[in-house]
N, C-alpha and C. Protein backbone atom coordinates (compact mmCIF):
# COMPACT_ATOMS: atom_id res chain seq x y z
N MET A 1 -60.34 -20.75 99.34
CA MET A 1 -61.50 -20.41 98.72
C MET A 1 -61.39 -20.13 96.75
N ASN A 2 -62.02 -20.84 96.34
CA ASN A 2 -61.86 -20.52 94.56
C ASN A 2 -62.07 -19.00 94.36
N SER A 3 -61.53 -18.44 93.58
CA SER A 3 -61.85 -17.29 93.08
C SER A 3 -61.74 -16.97 91.66
N ASP A 4 -61.97 -16.07 91.33
CA ASP A 4 -61.91 -15.60 89.65
C ASP A 4 -60.46 -14.96 89.49
N LEU A 5 -60.06 -15.80 88.33
CA LEU A 5 -58.60 -15.28 88.53
C LEU A 5 -58.53 -14.17 87.16
N GLY A 6 -59.46 -14.15 86.43
CA GLY A 6 -59.68 -13.39 85.27
C GLY A 6 -59.83 -14.22 83.67
N THR A 7 -59.43 -13.63 82.71
CA THR A 7 -59.74 -14.44 81.79
C THR A 7 -58.58 -14.24 80.94
N TYR A 8 -57.91 -15.67 80.97
CA TYR A 8 -56.62 -16.13 80.12
C TYR A 8 -56.51 -16.45 78.87
N HIS A 9 -55.78 -16.53 77.78
CA HIS A 9 -55.61 -16.92 76.83
C HIS A 9 -54.50 -18.17 76.51
N ILE A 10 -54.70 -19.16 75.95
CA ILE A 10 -53.67 -20.08 76.01
C ILE A 10 -53.20 -20.13 74.32
N ARG A 11 -51.97 -19.88 74.06
CA ARG A 11 -51.59 -20.26 72.82
C ARG A 11 -51.07 -21.63 72.44
N VAL A 12 -51.42 -22.46 71.63
CA VAL A 12 -51.26 -23.46 71.47
C VAL A 12 -50.43 -23.51 69.98
N GLN A 13 -49.38 -24.06 70.01
CA GLN A 13 -48.40 -23.94 68.99
C GLN A 13 -47.71 -25.30 68.31
N PHE A 14 -48.23 -25.71 67.22
CA PHE A 14 -47.71 -26.77 66.63
C PHE A 14 -46.37 -27.07 66.08
N THR A 15 -45.49 -28.38 65.96
CA THR A 15 -44.49 -28.15 65.19
C THR A 15 -44.36 -27.74 63.62
N ASN A 16 -45.76 -28.01 63.07
CA ASN A 16 -45.65 -28.00 61.79
C ASN A 16 -46.17 -26.62 61.41
N GLY A 17 -45.87 -25.46 62.57
CA GLY A 17 -46.43 -24.31 62.07
C GLY A 17 -47.78 -23.51 62.31
N THR A 18 -48.67 -24.60 62.36
CA THR A 18 -49.89 -24.45 62.83
C THR A 18 -50.13 -23.83 64.51
N GLY A 19 -51.74 -23.34 64.68
CA GLY A 19 -51.58 -23.19 65.97
C GLY A 19 -52.83 -22.51 66.44
N TYR A 20 -53.43 -22.26 67.21
CA TYR A 20 -54.48 -21.19 67.50
C TYR A 20 -54.94 -20.69 69.10
N LEU A 21 -55.20 -19.79 69.50
CA LEU A 21 -55.41 -19.25 70.81
C LEU A 21 -56.59 -19.98 71.00
N CYS A 22 -56.99 -19.98 72.62
CA CYS A 22 -57.98 -20.12 73.17
C CYS A 22 -58.52 -19.55 74.21
N VAL A 23 -59.66 -19.02 74.82
CA VAL A 23 -60.29 -18.52 75.92
C VAL A 23 -60.50 -19.28 76.77
N VAL A 24 -59.79 -19.10 78.18
CA VAL A 24 -60.13 -19.68 79.39
C VAL A 24 -60.76 -18.78 80.49
N GLN A 25 -62.10 -18.72 80.92
CA GLN A 25 -62.65 -18.08 82.02
C GLN A 25 -62.59 -18.64 83.12
N THR A 26 -62.45 -18.05 84.43
CA THR A 26 -61.71 -18.73 85.56
C THR A 26 -62.94 -18.50 86.30
N GLY A 27 -63.91 -17.47 85.97
CA GLY A 27 -64.95 -16.96 86.94
C GLY A 27 -66.02 -17.84 87.21
N ARG A 28 -67.07 -17.60 87.91
CA ARG A 28 -68.27 -17.85 87.88
C ARG A 28 -69.11 -18.90 86.47
N ARG A 29 -69.28 -20.19 86.42
CA ARG A 29 -69.94 -20.69 85.44
C ARG A 29 -71.12 -21.06 85.90
N TYR A 30 -72.04 -21.62 84.67
CA TYR A 30 -72.98 -21.89 84.99
C TYR A 30 -73.59 -23.85 84.07
N THR A 31 -74.53 -24.56 84.74
CA THR A 31 -74.26 -25.73 84.62
C THR A 31 -75.17 -25.81 82.95
N GLU A 32 -75.22 -26.78 82.16
CA GLU A 32 -75.44 -26.90 81.53
C GLU A 32 -75.52 -25.58 79.96
N GLY A 33 -75.67 -26.06 78.65
CA GLY A 33 -75.63 -24.61 77.94
C GLY A 33 -74.43 -24.90 77.33
N ALA A 34 -74.24 -24.24 76.17
CA ALA A 34 -73.01 -24.24 75.17
C ALA A 34 -72.70 -22.94 74.44
N GLN A 35 -71.42 -22.51 74.41
CA GLN A 35 -71.11 -21.22 73.76
C GLN A 35 -71.78 -20.14 74.24
N GLY A 36 -71.99 -20.01 75.53
CA GLY A 36 -71.99 -18.87 76.32
C GLY A 36 -73.99 -18.78 76.68
N CYS A 37 -74.75 -19.74 75.87
CA CYS A 37 -75.78 -19.78 76.45
C CYS A 37 -76.51 -20.78 77.13
N HIS A 38 -77.12 -20.49 78.30
CA HIS A 38 -77.49 -21.39 79.18
C HIS A 38 -79.12 -21.60 79.08
N PRO A 39 -80.03 -22.64 79.56
CA PRO A 39 -81.52 -22.58 79.82
C PRO A 39 -81.42 -21.71 80.87
N LEU A 40 -82.74 -21.14 81.38
CA LEU A 40 -82.78 -20.39 82.55
C LEU A 40 -82.89 -21.30 83.84
N ASP A 41 -83.01 -22.46 84.02
CA ASP A 41 -82.90 -23.16 85.12
C ASP A 41 -81.51 -23.52 85.66
N ALA A 42 -80.75 -22.95 84.84
CA ALA A 42 -79.06 -23.03 85.05
C ALA A 42 -79.00 -22.62 86.26
N GLU A 43 -77.59 -23.53 86.80
CA GLU A 43 -77.15 -23.17 88.48
C GLU A 43 -75.79 -22.51 88.26
N ALA A 44 -75.56 -21.66 89.21
CA ALA A 44 -73.88 -21.29 88.98
C ALA A 44 -73.63 -21.98 89.87
N ILE A 45 -72.37 -21.96 89.27
CA ILE A 45 -71.33 -23.07 89.86
C ILE A 45 -69.80 -21.94 90.16
N LEU A 46 -69.26 -22.11 91.35
CA LEU A 46 -68.23 -21.27 91.68
C LEU A 46 -66.80 -21.42 90.70
N PRO A 47 -66.16 -20.48 90.78
CA PRO A 47 -64.71 -20.51 89.99
C PRO A 47 -64.15 -21.88 90.26
N PRO A 48 -63.58 -22.57 89.55
CA PRO A 48 -63.10 -23.85 89.71
C PRO A 48 -61.48 -23.58 90.44
N PHE A 49 -60.61 -22.81 90.44
CA PHE A 49 -59.46 -22.56 90.65
C PHE A 49 -59.21 -21.84 91.66
N THR A 50 -58.46 -22.30 92.90
CA THR A 50 -57.97 -21.04 93.69
C THR A 50 -56.58 -20.48 93.68
N ASN A 51 -55.99 -20.79 92.48
CA ASN A 51 -54.72 -19.98 92.31
C ASN A 51 -54.27 -20.42 90.83
N GLU A 52 -53.06 -19.33 90.61
CA GLU A 52 -52.87 -19.79 89.24
C GLU A 52 -52.12 -20.99 89.30
N GLU A 53 -51.20 -21.25 89.87
CA GLU A 53 -50.55 -22.72 89.54
C GLU A 53 -51.29 -23.72 89.47
N GLU A 54 -52.59 -24.06 90.08
CA GLU A 54 -53.88 -24.93 89.92
C GLU A 54 -54.30 -24.95 88.48
N LEU A 55 -54.92 -23.65 88.22
CA LEU A 55 -55.27 -23.37 86.62
C LEU A 55 -54.18 -24.11 85.76
N PHE A 56 -52.71 -23.42 85.79
CA PHE A 56 -51.78 -24.06 84.78
C PHE A 56 -51.56 -25.22 84.98
N SER A 57 -51.62 -25.81 86.13
CA SER A 57 -51.87 -27.34 86.03
C SER A 57 -52.97 -28.38 85.00
N ALA A 58 -54.06 -27.83 85.17
CA ALA A 58 -55.05 -28.15 84.46
C ALA A 58 -54.92 -28.13 83.24
N LEU A 59 -54.48 -26.67 82.81
CA LEU A 59 -54.00 -26.33 81.52
C LEU A 59 -53.21 -27.43 80.73
N LYS A 60 -52.28 -27.53 81.32
CA LYS A 60 -50.86 -28.21 80.69
C LYS A 60 -52.02 -29.98 80.76
N TYR A 61 -52.60 -30.59 81.80
CA TYR A 61 -53.10 -31.75 81.40
C TYR A 61 -53.96 -31.90 80.35
N GLN A 62 -54.75 -30.86 80.28
CA GLN A 62 -55.87 -30.92 79.20
C GLN A 62 -55.21 -30.66 78.00
N HIS A 63 -54.00 -30.23 77.81
CA HIS A 63 -53.26 -30.29 76.61
C HIS A 63 -52.39 -31.25 76.03
N LEU A 64 -51.82 -31.94 77.35
CA LEU A 64 -50.86 -32.95 77.12
C LEU A 64 -51.36 -34.38 76.97
N GLU A 65 -52.12 -34.54 78.09
CA GLU A 65 -52.82 -35.66 78.38
C GLU A 65 -54.20 -35.72 78.04
N GLY A 66 -54.89 -35.09 78.28
CA GLY A 66 -56.47 -34.97 78.40
C GLY A 66 -57.00 -34.66 76.93
N ASN A 67 -58.32 -34.13 76.79
CA ASN A 67 -59.17 -34.26 75.73
C ASN A 67 -58.65 -33.58 74.72
N HIS A 68 -57.70 -32.39 75.37
CA HIS A 68 -57.00 -31.45 73.68
C HIS A 68 -55.84 -32.00 73.36
N SER A 69 -55.73 -33.30 73.81
CA SER A 69 -54.21 -33.75 73.19
C SER A 69 -54.50 -34.95 71.78
N CYS A 70 -55.48 -34.98 71.76
CA CYS A 70 -55.97 -36.07 70.67
C CYS A 70 -56.11 -35.24 68.96
N ASP A 71 -55.45 -35.65 68.15
CA ASP A 71 -55.69 -34.75 66.86
C ASP A 71 -56.96 -34.61 66.66
N CYS A 72 -58.07 -35.36 67.01
CA CYS A 72 -59.37 -35.26 66.24
C CYS A 72 -59.70 -33.90 66.87
N ASN A 73 -59.51 -33.69 68.03
CA ASN A 73 -59.84 -32.56 68.64
C ASN A 73 -59.04 -31.17 68.40
N ARG A 74 -57.45 -31.45 68.20
CA ARG A 74 -56.72 -30.34 67.69
C ARG A 74 -56.88 -29.93 66.36
N LEU A 75 -57.52 -31.05 65.34
CA LEU A 75 -57.86 -30.93 64.09
C LEU A 75 -59.23 -29.84 63.90
N SER A 76 -59.93 -30.35 64.69
CA SER A 76 -61.33 -29.96 64.80
C SER A 76 -60.83 -27.95 65.49
N PHE A 77 -60.15 -27.67 66.15
CA PHE A 77 -59.98 -26.53 66.77
C PHE A 77 -59.34 -25.78 65.71
N LEU A 78 -58.32 -26.28 64.77
CA LEU A 78 -57.45 -25.58 63.80
C LEU A 78 -58.60 -25.12 62.67
N ALA A 79 -59.41 -26.38 62.37
CA ALA A 79 -60.26 -25.95 61.45
C ALA A 79 -61.53 -24.78 61.82
N SER A 80 -61.70 -24.91 63.09
CA SER A 80 -62.83 -23.89 63.15
C SER A 80 -61.79 -22.18 63.35
N VAL A 81 -60.89 -22.31 63.87
CA VAL A 81 -60.17 -20.80 63.71
C VAL A 81 -59.86 -20.57 62.03
N ALA A 82 -60.04 -21.73 61.56
CA ALA A 82 -59.72 -21.08 60.00
C ALA A 82 -60.85 -20.90 59.37
N GLY A 83 -62.03 -21.19 59.98
CA GLY A 83 -63.15 -20.71 59.46
C GLY A 83 -63.57 -21.91 58.12
N GLN A 84 -62.86 -22.91 58.31
CA GLN A 84 -63.21 -24.10 57.78
C GLN A 84 -64.61 -24.88 57.95
N PRO A 85 -65.28 -25.50 57.16
CA PRO A 85 -65.55 -26.38 58.04
C PRO A 85 -65.46 -27.65 58.60
N LEU A 86 -65.94 -28.21 59.41
CA LEU A 86 -65.37 -29.51 60.18
C LEU A 86 -65.79 -30.84 59.59
N THR A 87 -64.67 -31.74 59.97
CA THR A 87 -65.14 -32.90 58.91
C THR A 87 -65.74 -33.89 59.98
N GLU A 88 -66.58 -34.80 59.88
CA GLU A 88 -67.43 -35.48 60.67
C GLU A 88 -66.88 -36.16 61.59
N SER A 89 -65.51 -37.15 60.95
CA SER A 89 -64.91 -37.61 62.03
C SER A 89 -63.54 -37.70 61.81
N PRO A 90 -62.79 -36.61 62.21
CA PRO A 90 -61.27 -36.23 62.39
C PRO A 90 -60.54 -37.47 62.84
N PRO A 91 -59.37 -38.03 62.05
CA PRO A 91 -58.90 -39.03 62.83
C PRO A 91 -58.28 -39.00 63.94
N CYS A 92 -58.43 -39.86 65.00
CA CYS A 92 -57.89 -39.91 66.29
C CYS A 92 -56.39 -40.13 66.35
N GLY A 93 -55.78 -40.09 66.93
CA GLY A 93 -54.06 -40.25 67.33
C GLY A 93 -53.60 -39.23 67.80
N HIS A 94 -52.32 -39.41 67.72
CA HIS A 94 -51.24 -38.23 68.37
C HIS A 94 -50.05 -37.75 67.46
N THR A 95 -50.26 -37.31 66.10
CA THR A 95 -49.27 -36.96 65.29
C THR A 95 -49.54 -35.59 65.27
N LEU A 96 -50.48 -34.83 65.60
CA LEU A 96 -49.73 -33.45 65.35
C LEU A 96 -49.24 -33.06 66.73
N GLU A 97 -47.93 -32.72 66.47
CA GLU A 97 -46.93 -32.60 67.86
C GLU A 97 -46.89 -31.18 68.29
N LEU A 98 -47.05 -31.32 69.64
CA LEU A 98 -47.12 -29.70 70.50
C LEU A 98 -45.78 -29.16 70.28
N GLN A 99 -45.58 -27.97 70.15
CA GLN A 99 -44.29 -27.34 70.16
C GLN A 99 -44.19 -26.83 71.37
N THR A 100 -45.22 -25.62 71.59
CA THR A 100 -45.33 -24.74 72.84
C THR A 100 -46.58 -24.64 73.24
N LEU A 101 -47.06 -24.49 74.60
CA LEU A 101 -48.11 -24.37 75.18
C LEU A 101 -47.80 -23.15 76.15
N THR A 102 -48.20 -22.01 75.69
CA THR A 102 -48.12 -20.80 76.51
C THR A 102 -49.46 -20.15 77.19
N ALA A 103 -49.27 -19.89 78.47
CA ALA A 103 -50.83 -19.18 78.93
C ALA A 103 -50.36 -17.36 78.81
N ILE A 104 -51.47 -16.81 78.52
CA ILE A 104 -51.11 -14.90 78.54
C ILE A 104 -52.06 -14.64 79.62
N ARG A 105 -51.65 -14.27 80.50
CA ARG A 105 -52.61 -13.59 81.83
C ARG A 105 -53.55 -12.42 81.27
N PRO A 106 -54.35 -12.12 82.13
CA PRO A 106 -55.23 -10.87 81.81
C PRO A 106 -54.52 -9.82 81.82
N ASP A 107 -53.34 -9.78 82.26
CA ASP A 107 -52.54 -8.19 82.21
C ASP A 107 -51.59 -8.21 81.22
N GLY A 108 -51.36 -9.50 80.25
CA GLY A 108 -50.85 -9.64 78.64
C GLY A 108 -49.58 -10.36 79.08
N THR A 109 -49.26 -10.60 80.47
CA THR A 109 -47.68 -11.06 80.68
C THR A 109 -47.98 -12.61 80.46
N GLU A 110 -46.79 -13.36 79.59
CA GLU A 110 -46.93 -14.55 79.40
C GLU A 110 -46.07 -15.82 80.37
N HIS A 111 -46.69 -16.82 80.02
CA HIS A 111 -45.93 -17.82 81.16
C HIS A 111 -45.85 -19.21 80.53
N LEU A 112 -44.68 -19.29 80.35
CA LEU A 112 -44.70 -20.69 79.30
C LEU A 112 -44.95 -21.96 80.21
N LEU A 113 -46.21 -23.05 79.95
CA LEU A 113 -46.35 -24.03 80.55
C LEU A 113 -45.73 -25.31 79.89
N TRP A 114 -45.27 -25.27 78.79
CA TRP A 114 -44.58 -26.27 78.11
C TRP A 114 -43.83 -26.05 77.05
N LYS A 115 -42.83 -26.72 76.51
CA LYS A 115 -42.08 -26.65 75.40
C LYS A 115 -41.64 -27.94 75.22
N GLN A 116 -41.52 -28.29 73.87
CA GLN A 116 -41.20 -29.54 73.37
C GLN A 116 -39.85 -29.86 73.58
N PRO A 117 -39.49 -30.76 74.29
CA PRO A 117 -37.55 -31.17 74.60
C PRO A 117 -37.08 -31.01 73.63
């Protein structure tokens, strides 16, 4: 059965010294909406993970091979955390190299998900 594992943070560090923290909510979610706002007819979705191992596997995939692995998204995230305007079409590619990917648990302990070989 899926359960709410709590709020995790992911520290994404690149080889050029930049990086960011992002929040991962593992609890109940709602359909549609963005940035925490949802229409009144939104439906509740059960938590997506049954254990921490599933969560960590999904996070590694997302950052190493999935949507967060492309330069266009990584540059958008970096601009957002720096308070800079987002460019209309950041370049796609895989030039912004990941150095480490670390999960920070709700209790503050850390788990290294990936480190550049």
